[in-house]
Each structure stands twice: as C-alpha cells, then as structure tokens.
Amino acid sequence: MKALKTIIQILLLVIIPGIIQAIESFPPIVSEGETIPDIQDVMKDISRASAIHCIDFSPDGRTIASGSYKTIRLWDVSTGREIKRFEGHKNTIWSVNFSPDGRSIASGSDDNTIRLWDVSTGREIKRFEGHTSYILSVKFSPDGRSIASGSYDKIIRLWDVSTGREIKRFEGHTSSII
C-alpha cells in the first residue's frame, strides 16, 4: 500500500507537471479567441456539403438543377460546370422541379418551406408555408400555375403559384409523401 502511495505522489509531483509543461510549450493550434470545432459537427458539414438529394432537368434539357444541404446549383449539361447557386433554405433540400417554361424552380426542404426561385437571377421569388414537417417532393402542374407538395406530415398540398396560397389539401395518407 505504501508503494502505491509513493507512485501516486511521484505522478502528482513530478511526472504530471512535466507533461503539462511540455504541452504548454507547444504552439497553439488555433488563434486566440477561436475554438476547435466539435468533430461531429465537422463530419456533418462534410456529409451535408457532398450529398446531392435531388435533381431535375430543365424543360429544354440544357440545364440540371441539384439540391443539397441549403443549396440549389444549376449545371450546364454540355460543359458540366456550375452556372449558378441559389441559397436561402435553412436545411436539406429534398426536391427541386423546373417550371414548364423553365424560368423558375420550386424547391422543398427540411425547413418546412417550399421556395420558388427565378432561374435567371437566382433570387427567391416566393415562399410557401403551411406544412408542419419536411417537404420531400414538389412538382409543377403542366400549365405551371400550381405546385403540388408532399411532406413528412403525410399531407399533399396544392399551391397557387401567383398568390402563394394553399388551394387544396389532400389528407388521409398513413405515411410520409416522398
């Protein structure tokens, strides 16, 4: 028992202070005032940045829209280069759909919103709110005057594009609408 006590005293008085002194002499990893990010947050950011959750061709077939974490990107089909980036959603985008005339894109997200975007400017035109959970699918009507949306809340909603108002609600599904 006495030997164990002596070992502990040596650790506390000699070895541990030496280790602390050696660590303190290392140059700082981050600047003063900065914090080291949590590894879980870093991994989430990496996976969010790389995952594409949905795609849609423009009606003329020359552009592809892709949805990922908070971002919609437009891609030139012939060159494979990014043309434009739309940002505004606060979470993962699960669905994108070009309007029949190709001048706008509807998107649905984990932030419970559907957003309408101007393809030429990249600006948000309108926001549709009403779902109580993730929007997993959006689709323009053939005439482009309405948008149907499906959600994790188990409801399909039909929206008027010009006013942003809900036209109709289809309830009765027993699971999310993808």
N, C-alpha and C. Protein backbone atom coordinates (compact mmCIF):
# COMPACT_ATOMS: atom_id res chain seq x y z
N MET A 1 0.82 -1.19 0.00
CA MET A 1 0.00 0.00 0.00
C MET A 1 0.87 1.26 0.00
N LYS A 2 1.99 1.19 0.79
CA LYS A 2 2.89 2.33 0.85
C LYS A 2 3.54 2.60 -0.50
N ALA A 3 3.87 1.52 -1.24
CA ALA A 3 4.49 1.66 -2.56
C ALA A 3 3.52 2.36 -3.53
N LEU A 4 2.24 2.01 -3.48
CA LEU A 4 1.23 2.63 -4.34
C LEU A 4 1.11 4.11 -4.03
N LYS A 5 1.14 4.46 -2.74
CA LYS A 5 1.06 5.86 -2.33
C LYS A 5 2.27 6.64 -2.85
N THR A 6 3.44 6.04 -2.81
CA THR A 6 4.66 6.68 -3.30
C THR A 6 4.59 6.90 -4.81
N ILE A 7 4.08 5.93 -5.55
CA ILE A 7 3.92 6.06 -7.01
C ILE A 7 2.97 7.20 -7.34
N ILE A 8 1.87 7.28 -6.63
CA ILE A 8 0.89 8.35 -6.86
C ILE A 8 1.52 9.72 -6.58
N GLN A 9 2.29 9.81 -5.49
CA GLN A 9 2.95 11.08 -5.16
C GLN A 9 3.93 11.49 -6.25
N ILE A 10 4.69 10.54 -6.75
CA ILE A 10 5.65 10.83 -7.83
C ILE A 10 4.90 11.32 -9.07
N LEU A 11 3.79 10.65 -9.41
CA LEU A 11 2.97 11.06 -10.56
C LEU A 11 2.48 12.50 -10.39
N LEU A 12 1.94 12.79 -9.21
CA LEU A 12 1.36 14.10 -8.97
C LEU A 12 2.40 15.21 -8.90
N LEU A 13 3.54 14.91 -8.33
CA LEU A 13 4.54 15.96 -8.10
C LEU A 13 5.56 16.12 -9.22
N VAL A 14 5.85 15.05 -9.94
CA VAL A 14 6.95 15.12 -10.91
C VAL A 14 6.47 14.90 -12.35
N ILE A 15 5.86 13.78 -12.62
CA ILE A 15 5.55 13.40 -14.00
C ILE A 15 4.43 14.26 -14.61
N ILE A 16 3.30 14.38 -13.93
CA ILE A 16 2.18 15.15 -14.48
C ILE A 16 2.54 16.62 -14.71
N PRO A 17 3.21 17.30 -13.75
CA PRO A 17 3.62 18.69 -14.04
C PRO A 17 4.56 18.78 -15.24
N GLY A 18 5.43 17.80 -15.42
CA GLY A 18 6.33 17.79 -16.58
C GLY A 18 5.57 17.66 -17.88
N ILE A 19 4.53 16.80 -17.91
CA ILE A 19 3.69 16.64 -19.09
C ILE A 19 2.95 17.94 -19.39
N ILE A 20 2.39 18.55 -18.35
CA ILE A 20 1.66 19.81 -18.52
C ILE A 20 2.58 20.89 -19.08
N GLN A 21 3.80 20.97 -18.54
CA GLN A 21 4.77 21.97 -19.01
C GLN A 21 5.12 21.72 -20.48
N ALA A 22 5.29 20.46 -20.85
CA ALA A 22 5.61 20.14 -22.25
C ALA A 22 4.46 20.52 -23.17
N ILE A 23 3.22 20.24 -22.78
CA ILE A 23 2.04 20.58 -23.58
C ILE A 23 1.92 22.08 -23.73
N GLU A 24 2.14 22.81 -22.66
CA GLU A 24 2.02 24.27 -22.71
C GLU A 24 3.07 24.91 -23.62
N SER A 25 4.17 24.21 -23.86
CA SER A 25 5.21 24.77 -24.72
C SER A 25 4.90 24.58 -26.21
N PHE A 26 3.93 23.73 -26.55
CA PHE A 26 3.55 23.54 -27.94
C PHE A 26 2.93 24.82 -28.50
N PRO A 27 3.13 25.10 -29.80
CA PRO A 27 2.48 26.27 -30.38
C PRO A 27 0.97 26.06 -30.42
N PRO A 28 0.18 27.13 -30.35
CA PRO A 28 -1.28 26.97 -30.34
C PRO A 28 -1.80 26.43 -31.68
N ILE A 29 -2.84 25.61 -31.61
CA ILE A 29 -3.46 25.04 -32.81
C ILE A 29 -4.38 26.08 -33.46
N VAL A 30 -5.05 26.87 -32.65
CA VAL A 30 -5.96 27.90 -33.16
C VAL A 30 -5.54 29.24 -32.60
N SER A 31 -5.96 30.31 -33.26
CA SER A 31 -5.65 31.66 -32.78
C SER A 31 -6.42 31.95 -31.50
N GLU A 32 -5.93 32.94 -30.76
CA GLU A 32 -6.60 33.32 -29.53
C GLU A 32 -8.04 33.73 -29.82
N GLY A 33 -8.96 33.25 -29.03
CA GLY A 33 -10.38 33.57 -29.19
C GLY A 33 -11.12 32.57 -30.06
N GLU A 34 -10.40 31.76 -30.84
CA GLU A 34 -11.04 30.74 -31.67
C GLU A 34 -11.27 29.49 -30.83
N THR A 35 -12.20 28.69 -31.29
CA THR A 35 -12.45 27.41 -30.63
C THR A 35 -12.27 26.29 -31.64
N ILE A 36 -11.92 25.15 -31.14
CA ILE A 36 -11.78 23.98 -32.02
C ILE A 36 -13.18 23.40 -32.22
N PRO A 37 -13.61 23.21 -33.50
CA PRO A 37 -14.94 22.68 -33.73
C PRO A 37 -15.07 21.23 -33.28
N ASP A 38 -16.25 20.88 -32.86
CA ASP A 38 -16.55 19.52 -32.47
C ASP A 38 -16.45 18.61 -33.69
N ILE A 39 -15.79 17.47 -33.56
CA ILE A 39 -15.58 16.57 -34.69
C ILE A 39 -16.90 16.11 -35.30
N GLN A 40 -17.93 15.92 -34.49
CA GLN A 40 -19.23 15.51 -35.02
C GLN A 40 -19.81 16.58 -35.94
N ASP A 41 -19.67 17.86 -35.56
CA ASP A 41 -20.15 18.95 -36.40
C ASP A 41 -19.38 19.02 -37.71
N VAL A 42 -18.08 18.80 -37.63
CA VAL A 42 -17.26 18.81 -38.85
C VAL A 42 -17.70 17.70 -39.79
N MET A 43 -17.91 16.50 -39.27
CA MET A 43 -18.34 15.37 -40.10
C MET A 43 -19.71 15.62 -40.72
N LYS A 44 -20.63 16.22 -39.96
CA LYS A 44 -21.95 16.55 -40.50
C LYS A 44 -21.82 17.54 -41.64
N ASP A 45 -20.97 18.56 -41.46
CA ASP A 45 -20.77 19.56 -42.51
C ASP A 45 -20.20 18.93 -43.77
N ILE A 46 -19.25 18.02 -43.61
CA ILE A 46 -18.66 17.36 -44.77
C ILE A 46 -19.71 16.54 -45.50
N SER A 47 -20.51 15.77 -44.77
CA SER A 47 -21.52 14.94 -45.44
C SER A 47 -22.61 15.79 -46.07
N ARG A 48 -22.99 16.86 -45.42
CA ARG A 48 -24.01 17.74 -45.99
C ARG A 48 -23.52 18.43 -47.25
N ALA A 49 -22.25 18.81 -47.24
CA ALA A 49 -21.70 19.53 -48.38
C ALA A 49 -21.57 18.62 -49.60
N SER A 50 -21.41 17.33 -49.39
CA SER A 50 -21.16 16.45 -50.52
C SER A 50 -22.42 15.73 -51.02
N ALA A 51 -23.47 15.64 -50.24
CA ALA A 51 -24.64 14.86 -50.64
C ALA A 51 -25.58 15.67 -51.53
N ILE A 52 -25.94 15.10 -52.67
CA ILE A 52 -26.95 15.67 -53.54
C ILE A 52 -28.20 14.81 -53.35
N HIS A 53 -29.31 15.46 -52.98
CA HIS A 53 -30.52 14.72 -52.64
C HIS A 53 -31.55 14.67 -53.75
N CYS A 54 -31.43 15.56 -54.75
CA CYS A 54 -32.43 15.58 -55.81
C CYS A 54 -31.87 16.29 -57.04
N ILE A 55 -32.42 15.94 -58.20
CA ILE A 55 -32.03 16.58 -59.45
C ILE A 55 -33.24 16.72 -60.36
N ASP A 56 -33.16 17.67 -61.29
CA ASP A 56 -34.21 17.82 -62.30
C ASP A 56 -33.61 18.48 -63.54
N PHE A 57 -34.03 18.01 -64.71
CA PHE A 57 -33.65 18.63 -65.97
C PHE A 57 -34.53 19.83 -66.25
N SER A 58 -33.94 20.85 -66.85
CA SER A 58 -34.75 21.97 -67.35
C SER A 58 -35.57 21.46 -68.54
N PRO A 59 -36.68 22.11 -68.88
CA PRO A 59 -37.50 21.64 -69.99
C PRO A 59 -36.75 21.54 -71.33
N ASP A 60 -35.76 22.41 -71.55
CA ASP A 60 -35.00 22.35 -72.80
C ASP A 60 -33.85 21.34 -72.74
N GLY A 61 -33.61 20.75 -71.56
CA GLY A 61 -32.59 19.73 -71.41
C GLY A 61 -31.16 20.23 -71.34
N ARG A 62 -30.96 21.54 -71.33
CA ARG A 62 -29.60 22.08 -71.32
C ARG A 62 -29.04 22.33 -69.92
N THR A 63 -29.91 22.27 -68.90
CA THR A 63 -29.51 22.58 -67.53
C THR A 63 -30.04 21.52 -66.57
N ILE A 64 -29.26 21.25 -65.55
CA ILE A 64 -29.71 20.37 -64.47
C ILE A 64 -29.68 21.19 -63.18
N ALA A 65 -30.73 21.05 -62.38
CA ALA A 65 -30.76 21.65 -61.04
C ALA A 65 -30.50 20.52 -60.04
N SER A 66 -29.66 20.78 -59.04
CA SER A 66 -29.42 19.79 -57.99
C SER A 66 -29.67 20.45 -56.64
N GLY A 67 -30.21 19.67 -55.71
CA GLY A 67 -30.48 20.16 -54.36
C GLY A 67 -29.64 19.40 -53.35
N SER A 68 -29.08 20.14 -52.40
CA SER A 68 -28.25 19.54 -51.36
C SER A 68 -28.54 20.25 -50.04
N TYR A 69 -27.58 20.33 -49.17
CA TYR A 69 -27.77 20.99 -47.89
C TYR A 69 -27.77 22.50 -48.09
N LYS A 70 -28.93 23.13 -47.95
CA LYS A 70 -29.14 24.58 -48.04
C LYS A 70 -28.93 25.19 -49.42
N THR A 71 -28.53 24.41 -50.42
CA THR A 71 -28.10 24.99 -51.70
C THR A 71 -28.70 24.27 -52.90
N ILE A 72 -29.12 25.07 -53.88
CA ILE A 72 -29.51 24.56 -55.19
C ILE A 72 -28.43 25.04 -56.16
N ARG A 73 -27.98 24.14 -57.00
CA ARG A 73 -27.00 24.51 -58.02
C ARG A 73 -27.58 24.22 -59.39
N LEU A 74 -27.26 25.10 -60.33
CA LEU A 74 -27.60 24.87 -61.74
C LEU A 74 -26.33 24.46 -62.46
N TRP A 75 -26.45 23.44 -63.29
CA TRP A 75 -25.30 22.89 -64.01
C TRP A 75 -25.57 22.93 -65.51
N ASP A 76 -24.55 23.29 -66.27
CA ASP A 76 -24.61 23.26 -67.72
C ASP A 76 -24.36 21.82 -68.16
N VAL A 77 -25.32 21.22 -68.87
CA VAL A 77 -25.21 19.81 -69.25
C VAL A 77 -24.04 19.59 -70.21
N SER A 78 -23.81 20.52 -71.14
CA SER A 78 -22.75 20.31 -72.13
C SER A 78 -21.35 20.44 -71.56
N THR A 79 -21.14 21.31 -70.58
CA THR A 79 -19.80 21.52 -70.03
C THR A 79 -19.59 20.85 -68.67
N GLY A 80 -20.69 20.57 -67.96
CA GLY A 80 -20.59 20.00 -66.62
C GLY A 80 -20.23 21.04 -65.56
N ARG A 81 -20.22 22.30 -65.95
CA ARG A 81 -19.84 23.36 -65.00
C ARG A 81 -21.06 23.94 -64.29
N GLU A 82 -20.80 24.38 -63.05
CA GLU A 82 -21.84 25.07 -62.30
C GLU A 82 -22.08 26.44 -62.91
N ILE A 83 -23.37 26.76 -63.13
CA ILE A 83 -23.76 28.03 -63.72
C ILE A 83 -24.15 29.04 -62.65
N LYS A 84 -24.92 28.56 -61.69
CA LYS A 84 -25.48 29.45 -60.68
C LYS A 84 -25.75 28.67 -59.41
N ARG A 85 -25.83 29.42 -58.31
CA ARG A 85 -26.11 28.83 -57.00
C ARG A 85 -27.22 29.63 -56.33
N PHE A 86 -28.22 28.93 -55.79
CA PHE A 86 -29.32 29.57 -55.07
C PHE A 86 -29.21 29.17 -53.60
N GLU A 87 -29.22 30.15 -52.72
CA GLU A 87 -29.15 29.85 -51.29
C GLU A 87 -30.23 30.60 -50.55
N GLY A 88 -30.78 29.96 -49.52
CA GLY A 88 -31.85 30.57 -48.75
C GLY A 88 -32.53 29.58 -47.82
N HIS A 89 -32.61 28.32 -48.25
CA HIS A 89 -33.17 27.30 -47.35
C HIS A 89 -32.26 27.17 -46.14
N LYS A 90 -32.85 26.78 -45.03
CA LYS A 90 -32.09 26.65 -43.79
C LYS A 90 -31.69 25.21 -43.47
N ASN A 91 -32.03 24.30 -44.38
CA ASN A 91 -31.72 22.90 -44.13
C ASN A 91 -31.67 22.15 -45.46
N THR A 92 -31.64 20.83 -45.40
CA THR A 92 -31.51 19.98 -46.58
C THR A 92 -32.66 20.18 -47.56
N ILE A 93 -32.33 20.26 -48.83
CA ILE A 93 -33.31 20.38 -49.91
C ILE A 93 -33.53 18.98 -50.46
N TRP A 94 -34.79 18.51 -50.41
CA TRP A 94 -35.12 17.15 -50.82
C TRP A 94 -35.72 17.07 -52.21
N SER A 95 -36.18 18.20 -52.76
CA SER A 95 -36.84 18.14 -54.06
C SER A 95 -36.67 19.46 -54.80
N VAL A 96 -36.38 19.35 -56.10
CA VAL A 96 -36.35 20.51 -56.98
C VAL A 96 -37.14 20.17 -58.24
N ASN A 97 -37.78 21.19 -58.83
CA ASN A 97 -38.55 20.97 -60.05
C ASN A 97 -38.61 22.25 -60.86
N PHE A 98 -38.21 22.16 -62.13
CA PHE A 98 -38.31 23.30 -63.05
C PHE A 98 -39.77 23.52 -63.42
N SER A 99 -40.13 24.78 -63.58
CA SER A 99 -41.45 25.11 -64.11
C SER A 99 -41.49 24.69 -65.58
N PRO A 100 -42.69 24.47 -66.15
CA PRO A 100 -42.77 24.05 -67.55
C PRO A 100 -42.09 25.01 -68.53
N ASP A 101 -42.08 26.31 -68.22
CA ASP A 101 -41.42 27.27 -69.11
C ASP A 101 -39.92 27.41 -68.82
N GLY A 102 -39.43 26.76 -67.74
CA GLY A 102 -38.02 26.77 -67.41
C GLY A 102 -37.52 28.05 -66.76
N ARG A 103 -38.42 28.98 -66.46
CA ARG A 103 -37.97 30.26 -65.90
C ARG A 103 -37.90 30.26 -64.37
N SER A 104 -38.47 29.25 -63.73
CA SER A 104 -38.39 29.18 -62.27
C SER A 104 -38.19 27.74 -61.81
N ILE A 105 -37.78 27.63 -60.56
CA ILE A 105 -37.56 26.33 -59.92
C ILE A 105 -38.29 26.35 -58.59
N ALA A 106 -39.00 25.27 -58.29
CA ALA A 106 -39.60 25.08 -56.97
C ALA A 106 -38.69 24.13 -56.20
N SER A 107 -38.56 24.39 -54.89
CA SER A 107 -37.73 23.51 -54.05
C SER A 107 -38.45 23.25 -52.73
N GLY A 108 -38.26 22.05 -52.19
CA GLY A 108 -38.82 21.68 -50.90
C GLY A 108 -37.72 21.24 -49.97
N SER A 109 -37.86 21.61 -48.68
CA SER A 109 -36.75 21.42 -47.74
C SER A 109 -37.18 20.93 -46.37
N ASP A 110 -36.15 20.53 -45.61
CA ASP A 110 -36.32 20.18 -44.19
C ASP A 110 -36.74 21.38 -43.36
N ASP A 111 -36.62 22.59 -43.89
CA ASP A 111 -37.03 23.77 -43.13
C ASP A 111 -38.54 24.01 -43.23
N ASN A 112 -39.26 23.02 -43.78
CA ASN A 112 -40.73 23.04 -43.90
C ASN A 112 -41.25 24.10 -44.87
N THR A 113 -40.41 24.57 -45.78
CA THR A 113 -40.86 25.56 -46.76
C THR A 113 -40.67 25.04 -48.18
N ILE A 114 -41.51 25.59 -49.05
CA ILE A 114 -41.33 25.44 -50.49
C ILE A 114 -40.93 26.82 -50.95
N ARG A 115 -39.92 26.88 -51.79
CA ARG A 115 -39.48 28.18 -52.29
C ARG A 115 -39.50 28.16 -53.81
N LEU A 116 -39.84 29.31 -54.36
CA LEU A 116 -39.87 29.50 -55.80
C LEU A 116 -38.72 30.43 -56.16
N TRP A 117 -37.89 30.03 -57.12
CA TRP A 117 -36.67 30.74 -57.48
C TRP A 117 -36.73 31.20 -58.92
N ASP A 118 -36.19 32.38 -59.18
CA ASP A 118 -36.04 32.89 -60.54
C ASP A 118 -34.74 32.32 -61.10
N VAL A 119 -34.83 31.56 -62.19
CA VAL A 119 -33.66 30.90 -62.75
C VAL A 119 -32.63 31.91 -63.26
N SER A 120 -33.08 33.01 -63.86
CA SER A 120 -32.14 33.97 -64.43
C SER A 120 -31.36 34.77 -63.38
N THR A 121 -31.98 35.06 -62.24
CA THR A 121 -31.31 35.88 -61.22
C THR A 121 -30.83 35.07 -60.02
N GLY A 122 -31.42 33.90 -59.79
CA GLY A 122 -31.08 33.10 -58.61
C GLY A 122 -31.77 33.58 -57.35
N ARG A 123 -32.65 34.55 -57.49
CA ARG A 123 -33.34 35.11 -56.31
C ARG A 123 -34.62 34.35 -55.99
N GLU A 124 -34.92 34.34 -54.70
CA GLU A 124 -36.18 33.75 -54.24
C GLU A 124 -37.32 34.67 -54.64
N ILE A 125 -38.32 34.11 -55.31
CA ILE A 125 -39.50 34.86 -55.75
C ILE A 125 -40.60 34.81 -54.70
N LYS A 126 -40.81 33.61 -54.18
CA LYS A 126 -41.93 33.40 -53.26
C LYS A 126 -41.61 32.25 -52.32
N ARG A 127 -42.25 32.30 -51.14
CA ARG A 127 -42.12 31.24 -50.15
C ARG A 127 -43.52 30.74 -49.81
N PHE A 128 -43.67 29.42 -49.80
CA PHE A 128 -44.94 28.78 -49.48
C PHE A 128 -44.78 28.08 -48.12
N GLU A 129 -45.64 28.44 -47.18
CA GLU A 129 -45.55 27.85 -45.84
C GLU A 129 -46.89 27.27 -45.43
N GLY A 130 -46.85 26.16 -44.72
CA GLY A 130 -48.07 25.51 -44.27
C GLY A 130 -47.84 24.08 -43.80
N HIS A 131 -46.87 23.41 -44.42
CA HIS A 131 -46.54 22.05 -43.97
C HIS A 131 -45.95 22.12 -42.57
N THR A 132 -46.20 21.08 -41.79
CA THR A 132 -45.70 21.05 -40.42
C THR A 132 -44.47 20.15 -40.27
N SER A 133 -43.96 19.66 -41.40
CA SER A 133 -42.75 18.86 -41.37
C SER A 133 -42.02 18.99 -42.70
N TYR A 134 -40.97 18.19 -42.87
CA TYR A 134 -40.13 18.25 -44.05
C TYR A 134 -40.93 18.15 -45.34
N ILE A 135 -40.56 18.95 -46.33
CA ILE A 135 -41.15 18.81 -47.66
C ILE A 135 -40.22 17.90 -48.45
N LEU A 136 -40.75 16.78 -48.88
CA LEU A 136 -39.95 15.76 -49.55
C LEU A 136 -40.14 15.75 -51.06
N SER A 137 -41.22 16.39 -51.56
CA SER A 137 -41.43 16.42 -53.00
C SER A 137 -42.20 17.67 -53.41
N VAL A 138 -41.81 18.22 -54.55
CA VAL A 138 -42.52 19.35 -55.16
C VAL A 138 -42.63 19.10 -56.66
N LYS A 139 -43.75 19.52 -57.25
CA LYS A 139 -43.96 19.30 -58.68
C LYS A 139 -44.89 20.36 -59.23
N PHE A 140 -44.46 21.03 -60.31
CA PHE A 140 -45.32 21.98 -61.00
C PHE A 140 -46.41 21.25 -61.76
N SER A 141 -47.56 21.88 -61.88
CA SER A 141 -48.61 21.38 -62.75
C SER A 141 -48.17 21.60 -64.20
N PRO A 142 -48.77 20.88 -65.16
CA PRO A 142 -48.37 21.06 -66.57
C PRO A 142 -48.51 22.50 -67.08
N ASP A 143 -49.48 23.26 -66.57
CA ASP A 143 -49.64 24.65 -67.02
C ASP A 143 -48.79 25.63 -66.22
N GLY A 144 -48.11 25.16 -65.16
CA GLY A 144 -47.21 25.99 -64.37
C GLY A 144 -47.90 26.93 -63.39
N ARG A 145 -49.22 26.82 -63.25
CA ARG A 145 -49.94 27.74 -62.38
C ARG A 145 -50.09 27.24 -60.95
N SER A 146 -49.75 25.97 -60.72
CA SER A 146 -49.83 25.45 -59.35
C SER A 146 -48.65 24.51 -59.09
N ILE A 147 -48.41 24.31 -57.80
CA ILE A 147 -47.35 23.40 -57.35
C ILE A 147 -47.98 22.43 -56.35
N ALA A 148 -47.70 21.15 -56.53
CA ALA A 148 -48.10 20.14 -55.54
C ALA A 148 -46.88 19.85 -54.67
N SER A 149 -47.12 19.67 -53.38
CA SER A 149 -46.03 19.34 -52.45
C SER A 149 -46.44 18.18 -51.56
N GLY A 150 -45.48 17.31 -51.30
CA GLY A 150 -45.69 16.19 -50.40
C GLY A 150 -44.74 16.31 -49.24
N SER A 151 -45.20 15.90 -48.06
CA SER A 151 -44.42 16.13 -46.86
C SER A 151 -44.40 14.93 -45.93
N TYR A 152 -43.45 15.00 -45.03
CA TYR A 152 -43.37 14.02 -43.95
C TYR A 152 -44.59 14.13 -43.04
N ASP A 153 -45.32 15.25 -43.13
CA ASP A 153 -46.54 15.42 -42.32
C ASP A 153 -47.73 14.63 -42.86
N LYS A 154 -47.49 13.85 -43.94
CA LYS A 154 -48.48 12.95 -44.55
C LYS A 154 -49.57 13.68 -45.31
N ILE A 155 -49.31 14.91 -45.73
CA ILE A 155 -50.31 15.71 -46.44
C ILE A 155 -49.74 16.17 -47.78
N ILE A 156 -50.56 16.09 -48.82
CA ILE A 156 -50.25 16.71 -50.12
C ILE A 156 -50.98 18.04 -50.12
N ARG A 157 -50.27 19.08 -50.49
CA ARG A 157 -50.88 20.40 -50.60
C ARG A 157 -50.72 20.90 -52.03
N LEU A 158 -51.74 21.61 -52.49
CA LEU A 158 -51.71 22.23 -53.81
C LEU A 158 -51.67 23.73 -53.61
N TRP A 159 -50.72 24.39 -54.27
CA TRP A 159 -50.46 25.82 -54.07
C TRP A 159 -50.69 26.60 -55.35
N ASP A 160 -51.21 27.81 -55.21
CA ASP A 160 -51.33 28.74 -56.33
C ASP A 160 -50.01 29.47 -56.47
N VAL A 161 -49.35 29.36 -57.63
CA VAL A 161 -48.03 29.96 -57.83
C VAL A 161 -48.10 31.49 -57.76
N SER A 162 -49.15 32.08 -58.32
CA SER A 162 -49.22 33.55 -58.38
C SER A 162 -49.46 34.18 -57.01
N THR A 163 -50.24 33.53 -56.15
CA THR A 163 -50.55 34.13 -54.84
C THR A 163 -49.75 33.52 -53.69
N GLY A 164 -49.27 32.30 -53.88
CA GLY A 164 -48.56 31.61 -52.80
C GLY A 164 -49.50 30.96 -51.80
N ARG A 165 -50.77 31.00 -52.07
CA ARG A 165 -51.76 30.44 -51.14
C ARG A 165 -52.05 28.97 -51.42
N GLU A 166 -52.40 28.29 -50.35
CA GLU A 166 -52.80 26.89 -50.47
C GLU A 166 -54.18 26.84 -51.12
N ILE A 167 -54.31 26.02 -52.16
CA ILE A 167 -55.58 25.85 -52.87
C ILE A 167 -56.37 24.69 -52.29
N LYS A 168 -55.66 23.60 -52.06
CA LYS A 168 -56.32 22.37 -51.63
C LYS A 168 -55.36 21.52 -50.82
N ARG A 169 -55.96 20.68 -49.99
CA ARG A 169 -55.20 19.78 -49.13
C ARG A 169 -55.73 18.37 -49.32
N PHE A 170 -54.81 17.41 -49.47
CA PHE A 170 -55.19 16.01 -49.64
C PHE A 170 -54.67 15.25 -48.43
N GLU A 171 -55.58 14.86 -47.53
CA GLU A 171 -55.21 14.18 -46.30
C GLU A 171 -55.70 12.74 -46.32
N GLY A 172 -55.10 11.91 -45.48
CA GLY A 172 -55.52 10.52 -45.37
C GLY A 172 -54.40 9.54 -45.56
N HIS A 173 -53.24 10.01 -46.00
CA HIS A 173 -52.10 9.12 -46.14
C HIS A 173 -51.64 8.66 -44.76
N THR A 174 -51.13 7.46 -44.69
CA THR A 174 -50.70 6.93 -43.40
C THR A 174 -49.17 6.99 -43.22
N SER A 175 -48.49 7.53 -44.21
CA SER A 175 -47.05 7.67 -44.11
C SER A 175 -46.61 8.92 -44.87
N SER A 176 -45.34 9.26 -44.75
CA SER A 176 -44.83 10.47 -45.41
C SER A 176 -44.96 10.33 -46.93
N ILE A 177 -45.01 11.48 -47.60
CA ILE A 177 -45.17 11.50 -49.05
C ILE A 177 -43.82 11.90 -49.66
N ILE A 178 -43.28 10.96 -50.40
CA ILE A 178 -41.95 11.17 -50.98
C ILE A 178 -42.07 11.52 -52.44
